[in-house]
């Protein structure tokens, strides 16, 4: 089974489009790299990527005859995805165990979703 774990960093929705990590953030990224390496060595990783802040993104909303495009930042956003892991695992419980090992910061959230196999 495949699962996506979405990293939802606290306050990432407020980061500027040209966000770069400070010294503390760079140290946290080193720890995250070790975590990612452990998952790769375990053979469960299909893909891992970080995402730029919403201020650098765009949304396309559908509702009428013409899609509406909005460029970030998005004022109504309270939580935003900062990155993801696509993993090949045997169960949601295994995904939860990997998520619990993540060197996340206080206030961060990891959401786990199974890939639909339609």
N, C-alpha and C. Protein backbone atom coordinates (compact mmCIF):
# COMPACT_ATOMS: atom_id res chain seq x y z
N UNK A 1 0.83 -1.17 0.00
CA UNK A 1 0.00 0.00 0.00
C UNK A 1 0.88 1.24 0.00
N UNK A 2 0.39 2.25 -0.66
CA UNK A 2 1.12 3.51 -0.67
C UNK A 2 0.41 4.54 0.21
N UNK A 3 1.22 5.29 0.93
CA UNK A 3 0.72 6.34 1.80
C UNK A 3 1.48 7.62 1.53
N UNK A 4 0.77 8.75 1.62
CA UNK A 4 1.43 10.05 1.59
C UNK A 4 1.38 10.61 3.00
N UNK A 5 2.51 11.10 3.43
CA UNK A 5 2.57 11.85 4.68
C UNK A 5 2.85 13.30 4.28
N UNK A 6 1.96 14.18 4.68
CA UNK A 6 2.09 15.60 4.37
C UNK A 6 2.62 16.33 5.60
N UNK A 7 3.71 17.06 5.44
CA UNK A 7 4.22 17.89 6.52
C UNK A 7 3.49 19.23 6.48
N UNK A 8 2.91 19.60 7.59
CA UNK A 8 2.21 20.88 7.71
C UNK A 8 2.95 21.68 8.78
N UNK A 9 3.97 22.45 8.38
CA UNK A 9 4.75 23.20 9.36
C UNK A 9 3.95 24.36 9.95
N UNK A 10 4.13 24.57 11.23
CA UNK A 10 3.45 25.67 11.91
C UNK A 10 3.85 27.00 11.26
N UNK A 11 2.89 27.81 10.93
CA UNK A 11 3.08 29.16 10.40
C UNK A 11 3.74 29.23 9.02
N UNK A 12 3.88 28.10 8.30
CA UNK A 12 4.50 28.14 6.97
C UNK A 12 3.65 28.95 5.99
N UNK A 13 2.35 29.02 6.26
CA UNK A 13 1.45 29.79 5.39
C UNK A 13 1.79 31.28 5.41
N UNK A 14 2.56 31.73 6.41
CA UNK A 14 2.93 33.14 6.51
C UNK A 14 4.32 33.43 5.91
N UNK A 15 5.02 32.41 5.44
CA UNK A 15 6.38 32.59 4.92
C UNK A 15 6.35 33.35 3.59
N UNK A 16 7.35 34.22 3.36
CA UNK A 16 7.40 34.94 2.09
C UNK A 16 7.77 34.02 0.93
N UNK A 17 7.48 34.45 -0.27
CA UNK A 17 7.73 33.64 -1.47
C UNK A 17 9.20 33.26 -1.61
N UNK A 18 10.10 34.12 -1.15
CA UNK A 18 11.53 33.86 -1.27
C UNK A 18 12.13 33.28 0.02
N UNK A 19 11.31 32.59 0.81
CA UNK A 19 11.72 32.05 2.09
C UNK A 19 12.99 31.21 1.97
N UNK A 20 13.89 31.42 2.90
CA UNK A 20 15.10 30.61 3.04
C UNK A 20 15.26 30.30 4.52
N UNK A 21 15.73 29.10 4.86
CA UNK A 21 15.87 28.77 6.28
C UNK A 21 16.99 29.58 6.94
N UNK A 22 16.76 29.95 8.20
CA UNK A 22 17.81 30.60 8.98
C UNK A 22 18.71 29.50 9.57
N UNK A 23 19.64 29.86 10.44
CA UNK A 23 20.58 28.88 11.00
C UNK A 23 19.84 27.75 11.72
N UNK A 24 18.82 28.10 12.50
CA UNK A 24 18.04 27.08 13.20
C UNK A 24 17.31 26.18 12.20
N UNK A 25 16.77 26.80 11.15
CA UNK A 25 16.08 26.04 10.12
C UNK A 25 17.01 25.11 9.36
N UNK A 26 18.23 25.57 9.10
CA UNK A 26 19.21 24.72 8.41
C UNK A 26 19.58 23.52 9.28
N UNK A 27 19.73 23.74 10.59
CA UNK A 27 20.02 22.63 11.50
C UNK A 27 18.86 21.64 11.51
N UNK A 28 17.63 22.15 11.50
CA UNK A 28 16.45 21.27 11.46
C UNK A 28 16.42 20.48 10.16
N UNK A 29 16.86 21.11 9.07
CA UNK A 29 16.87 20.41 7.78
C UNK A 29 17.90 19.28 7.77
N UNK A 30 19.01 19.46 8.48
CA UNK A 30 20.00 18.38 8.60
C UNK A 30 19.37 17.19 9.32
N UNK A 31 18.66 17.47 10.41
CA UNK A 31 17.98 16.39 11.14
C UNK A 31 16.92 15.72 10.28
N UNK A 32 16.19 16.51 9.51
CA UNK A 32 15.18 15.95 8.62
C UNK A 32 15.84 15.08 7.55
N UNK A 33 17.01 15.49 7.08
CA UNK A 33 17.76 14.69 6.11
C UNK A 33 18.13 13.32 6.68
N UNK A 34 18.51 13.29 7.95
CA UNK A 34 18.83 12.00 8.59
C UNK A 34 17.60 11.11 8.68
N UNK A 35 16.48 11.72 9.00
CA UNK A 35 15.21 11.00 9.06
C UNK A 35 14.86 10.43 7.68
N UNK A 36 14.98 11.26 6.66
CA UNK A 36 14.69 10.82 5.29
C UNK A 36 15.63 9.69 4.88
N UNK A 37 16.91 9.81 5.24
CA UNK A 37 17.89 8.75 4.93
C UNK A 37 17.49 7.43 5.58
N UNK A 38 17.01 7.49 6.83
CA UNK A 38 16.59 6.27 7.53
C UNK A 38 15.44 5.59 6.80
N UNK A 39 14.50 6.39 6.29
CA UNK A 39 13.38 5.80 5.54
C UNK A 39 13.86 5.21 4.22
N UNK A 40 14.81 5.90 3.58
CA UNK A 40 15.35 5.38 2.32
C UNK A 40 16.10 4.07 2.56
N UNK A 41 16.89 4.01 3.61
CA UNK A 41 17.62 2.78 3.94
C UNK A 41 16.67 1.63 4.27
N UNK A 42 15.51 1.96 4.84
CA UNK A 42 14.51 0.94 5.14
C UNK A 42 13.76 0.48 3.90
N UNK A 43 13.96 1.19 2.78
CA UNK A 43 13.35 0.79 1.51
C UNK A 43 11.88 1.15 1.38
N UNK A 44 11.40 2.13 2.15
CA UNK A 44 9.98 2.46 2.09
C UNK A 44 9.66 3.70 1.27
N UNK A 45 10.68 4.44 0.83
CA UNK A 45 10.47 5.72 0.16
C UNK A 45 10.25 5.55 -1.34
N UNK A 46 9.18 6.17 -1.84
CA UNK A 46 8.96 6.27 -3.28
C UNK A 46 9.35 7.66 -3.76
N UNK A 47 9.08 8.69 -2.93
CA UNK A 47 9.39 10.07 -3.30
C UNK A 47 9.34 10.94 -2.04
N UNK A 48 10.24 11.92 -1.98
CA UNK A 48 10.25 12.91 -0.89
C UNK A 48 10.53 14.26 -1.53
N UNK A 49 9.75 15.26 -1.16
CA UNK A 49 10.01 16.62 -1.65
C UNK A 49 9.49 17.65 -0.67
N UNK A 50 10.20 18.77 -0.60
CA UNK A 50 9.73 19.93 0.12
C UNK A 50 9.07 20.87 -0.88
N UNK A 51 8.21 21.72 -0.38
CA UNK A 51 7.49 22.66 -1.24
C UNK A 51 7.79 24.09 -0.81
N UNK A 52 7.84 24.99 -1.75
CA UNK A 52 7.99 26.40 -1.44
C UNK A 52 6.71 26.89 -0.76
N UNK A 53 6.77 28.01 -0.04
CA UNK A 53 5.59 28.51 0.67
C UNK A 53 4.46 28.89 -0.28
N UNK A 54 3.24 28.96 0.24
CA UNK A 54 2.09 29.32 -0.59
C UNK A 54 2.24 30.68 -1.26
N UNK A 55 3.01 31.59 -0.67
CA UNK A 55 3.21 32.91 -1.27
C UNK A 55 3.83 32.79 -2.66
N UNK A 56 4.52 31.68 -2.93
CA UNK A 56 5.14 31.46 -4.23
C UNK A 56 4.25 30.65 -5.16
N UNK A 57 3.04 30.29 -4.70
CA UNK A 57 2.17 29.42 -5.47
C UNK A 57 0.99 30.13 -6.11
N UNK A 58 0.13 29.33 -6.69
CA UNK A 58 -1.10 29.82 -7.31
C UNK A 58 -2.19 28.78 -7.07
N UNK A 59 -3.43 29.24 -7.09
CA UNK A 59 -4.58 28.36 -6.98
C UNK A 59 -5.50 28.60 -8.16
N UNK A 60 -6.08 27.54 -8.65
CA UNK A 60 -7.07 27.63 -9.72
C UNK A 60 -8.38 27.10 -9.14
N UNK A 61 -9.37 27.99 -9.00
CA UNK A 61 -10.66 27.63 -8.43
C UNK A 61 -11.71 27.48 -9.53
N UNK A 62 -12.52 26.46 -9.41
CA UNK A 62 -13.55 26.16 -10.40
C UNK A 62 -14.92 26.42 -9.81
N UNK A 63 -15.81 26.96 -10.59
CA UNK A 63 -17.16 27.21 -10.10
C UNK A 63 -18.06 27.80 -11.17
N UNK A 64 -17.49 28.47 -12.10
CA UNK A 64 -18.27 29.07 -13.18
C UNK A 64 -17.74 28.59 -14.51
N UNK A 65 -17.96 29.38 -15.55
CA UNK A 65 -17.50 28.97 -16.87
C UNK A 65 -15.99 29.16 -17.05
N UNK A 66 -15.40 30.07 -16.27
CA UNK A 66 -13.96 30.32 -16.36
C UNK A 66 -13.29 30.06 -15.02
N UNK A 67 -12.26 29.24 -14.99
CA UNK A 67 -11.53 29.04 -13.73
C UNK A 67 -10.94 30.37 -13.24
N UNK A 68 -10.93 30.55 -11.93
CA UNK A 68 -10.39 31.75 -11.31
C UNK A 68 -9.01 31.45 -10.76
N UNK A 69 -8.00 32.22 -11.17
CA UNK A 69 -6.63 32.02 -10.73
C UNK A 69 -6.29 33.07 -9.67
N UNK A 70 -5.77 32.59 -8.54
CA UNK A 70 -5.30 33.47 -7.47
C UNK A 70 -3.85 33.13 -7.18
N UNK A 71 -3.00 34.14 -7.16
CA UNK A 71 -1.60 33.93 -6.81
C UNK A 71 -1.42 34.19 -5.32
N UNK A 72 -0.51 33.43 -4.71
CA UNK A 72 -0.26 33.56 -3.27
C UNK A 72 0.35 34.90 -2.93
N UNK A 73 0.33 35.27 -1.67
CA UNK A 73 -0.12 34.46 -0.53
C UNK A 73 -1.64 34.39 -0.45
N UNK A 74 -2.11 33.37 0.25
CA UNK A 74 -3.53 33.13 0.38
C UNK A 74 -3.95 33.51 1.79
N UNK A 75 -4.74 34.55 1.92
CA UNK A 75 -5.07 35.12 3.23
C UNK A 75 -5.93 34.20 4.08
N UNK A 76 -6.70 33.32 3.50
CA UNK A 76 -7.60 32.45 4.27
C UNK A 76 -6.94 31.16 4.75
N UNK A 77 -5.70 30.93 4.38
CA UNK A 77 -5.03 29.68 4.71
C UNK A 77 -4.53 29.70 6.15
N UNK A 78 -4.89 28.67 6.91
CA UNK A 78 -4.38 28.56 8.27
C UNK A 78 -3.35 27.44 8.39
N UNK A 79 -3.44 26.43 7.54
CA UNK A 79 -2.47 25.35 7.50
C UNK A 79 -2.09 25.11 6.05
N UNK A 80 -0.82 24.83 5.82
CA UNK A 80 -0.39 24.61 4.45
C UNK A 80 0.66 23.50 4.41
N UNK A 81 0.66 22.75 3.34
CA UNK A 81 1.62 21.66 3.17
C UNK A 81 2.99 22.23 2.83
N UNK A 82 3.99 21.79 3.56
CA UNK A 82 5.36 22.24 3.31
C UNK A 82 6.20 21.20 2.62
N UNK A 83 5.71 19.99 2.55
CA UNK A 83 6.43 18.91 1.89
C UNK A 83 5.67 17.61 2.05
N UNK A 84 6.21 16.57 1.43
CA UNK A 84 5.52 15.28 1.50
C UNK A 84 6.50 14.13 1.37
N UNK A 85 6.06 12.98 1.84
CA UNK A 85 6.74 11.72 1.63
C UNK A 85 5.73 10.78 0.99
N UNK A 86 6.10 10.10 -0.07
CA UNK A 86 5.29 9.04 -0.65
C UNK A 86 5.99 7.74 -0.28
N UNK A 87 5.29 6.90 0.49
CA UNK A 87 5.90 5.71 1.06
C UNK A 87 5.16 4.44 0.65
N UNK A 88 5.89 3.36 0.51
CA UNK A 88 5.32 2.02 0.27
C UNK A 88 5.40 1.28 1.59
N UNK A 89 4.23 1.02 2.19
CA UNK A 89 4.18 0.43 3.52
C UNK A 89 3.13 -0.66 3.57
N UNK A 90 3.07 -1.37 4.67
CA UNK A 90 2.10 -2.46 4.80
C UNK A 90 0.79 -2.03 5.45
N UNK A 91 0.82 -0.88 6.17
CA UNK A 91 -0.39 -0.48 6.88
C UNK A 91 -0.31 1.00 7.29
N UNK A 92 -1.45 1.55 7.66
CA UNK A 92 -1.48 2.91 8.20
C UNK A 92 -0.72 2.97 9.52
N UNK A 93 -0.78 1.88 10.30
CA UNK A 93 -0.04 1.86 11.56
C UNK A 93 1.46 2.02 11.33
N UNK A 94 1.98 1.41 10.27
CA UNK A 94 3.39 1.57 9.94
C UNK A 94 3.69 3.02 9.56
N UNK A 95 2.79 3.65 8.82
CA UNK A 95 2.96 5.07 8.47
C UNK A 95 2.96 5.93 9.72
N UNK A 96 2.09 5.63 10.65
CA UNK A 96 2.03 6.39 11.90
C UNK A 96 3.35 6.24 12.67
N UNK A 97 3.89 5.03 12.69
CA UNK A 97 5.17 4.83 13.40
C UNK A 97 6.29 5.64 12.75
N UNK A 98 6.33 5.70 11.42
CA UNK A 98 7.34 6.53 10.76
C UNK A 98 7.11 8.01 11.08
N UNK A 99 5.87 8.44 11.05
CA UNK A 99 5.56 9.85 11.32
C UNK A 99 5.99 10.24 12.74
N UNK A 100 5.79 9.35 13.69
CA UNK A 100 6.15 9.64 15.07
C UNK A 100 7.66 9.82 15.26
N UNK A 101 8.45 9.30 14.34
CA UNK A 101 9.92 9.43 14.42
C UNK A 101 10.43 10.71 13.78
N UNK A 102 9.56 11.45 13.13
CA UNK A 102 9.97 12.66 12.41
C UNK A 102 10.49 13.72 13.39
N UNK A 103 11.61 14.37 13.06
CA UNK A 103 12.12 15.44 13.92
C UNK A 103 11.38 16.76 13.70
N UNK A 104 10.09 16.72 13.86
CA UNK A 104 9.24 17.89 13.62
C UNK A 104 9.39 18.89 14.77
N UNK A 105 9.04 20.13 14.46
CA UNK A 105 9.08 21.20 15.44
C UNK A 105 7.74 21.25 16.20
N UNK A 106 7.73 21.78 17.42
CA UNK A 106 6.46 21.94 18.14
C UNK A 106 5.46 22.74 17.29
N UNK A 107 4.25 22.24 17.19
CA UNK A 107 3.21 22.89 16.40
C UNK A 107 3.08 22.35 14.98
N UNK A 108 4.09 21.60 14.51
CA UNK A 108 4.01 20.98 13.19
C UNK A 108 3.01 19.82 13.24
N UNK A 109 2.48 19.47 12.08
CA UNK A 109 1.53 18.37 11.95
C UNK A 109 1.95 17.52 10.76
N UNK A 110 1.80 16.22 10.88
CA UNK A 110 1.94 15.32 9.73
C UNK A 110 0.59 14.66 9.52
N UNK A 111 0.06 14.84 8.32
CA UNK A 111 -1.20 14.19 7.95
C UNK A 111 -0.85 12.97 7.10
N UNK A 112 -1.50 11.85 7.37
CA UNK A 112 -1.23 10.60 6.66
C UNK A 112 -2.48 10.22 5.88
N UNK A 113 -2.28 9.96 4.58
CA UNK A 113 -3.41 9.57 3.72
C UNK A 113 -2.96 8.40 2.85
N UNK A 114 -3.79 7.37 2.75
CA UNK A 114 -3.51 6.25 1.87
C UNK A 114 -3.85 6.65 0.44
N UNK A 115 -3.03 6.21 -0.51
CA UNK A 115 -3.30 6.46 -1.92
C UNK A 115 -4.45 5.55 -2.34
N UNK A 116 -5.45 6.14 -2.97
CA UNK A 116 -6.60 5.37 -3.44
C UNK A 116 -6.17 4.45 -4.57
N UNK A 117 -6.54 3.22 -4.49
CA UNK A 117 -6.16 2.25 -5.52
C UNK A 117 -7.31 1.89 -6.42
N UNK A 118 -7.96 2.90 -6.99
CA UNK A 118 -9.11 2.65 -7.87
C UNK A 118 -8.67 2.03 -9.17
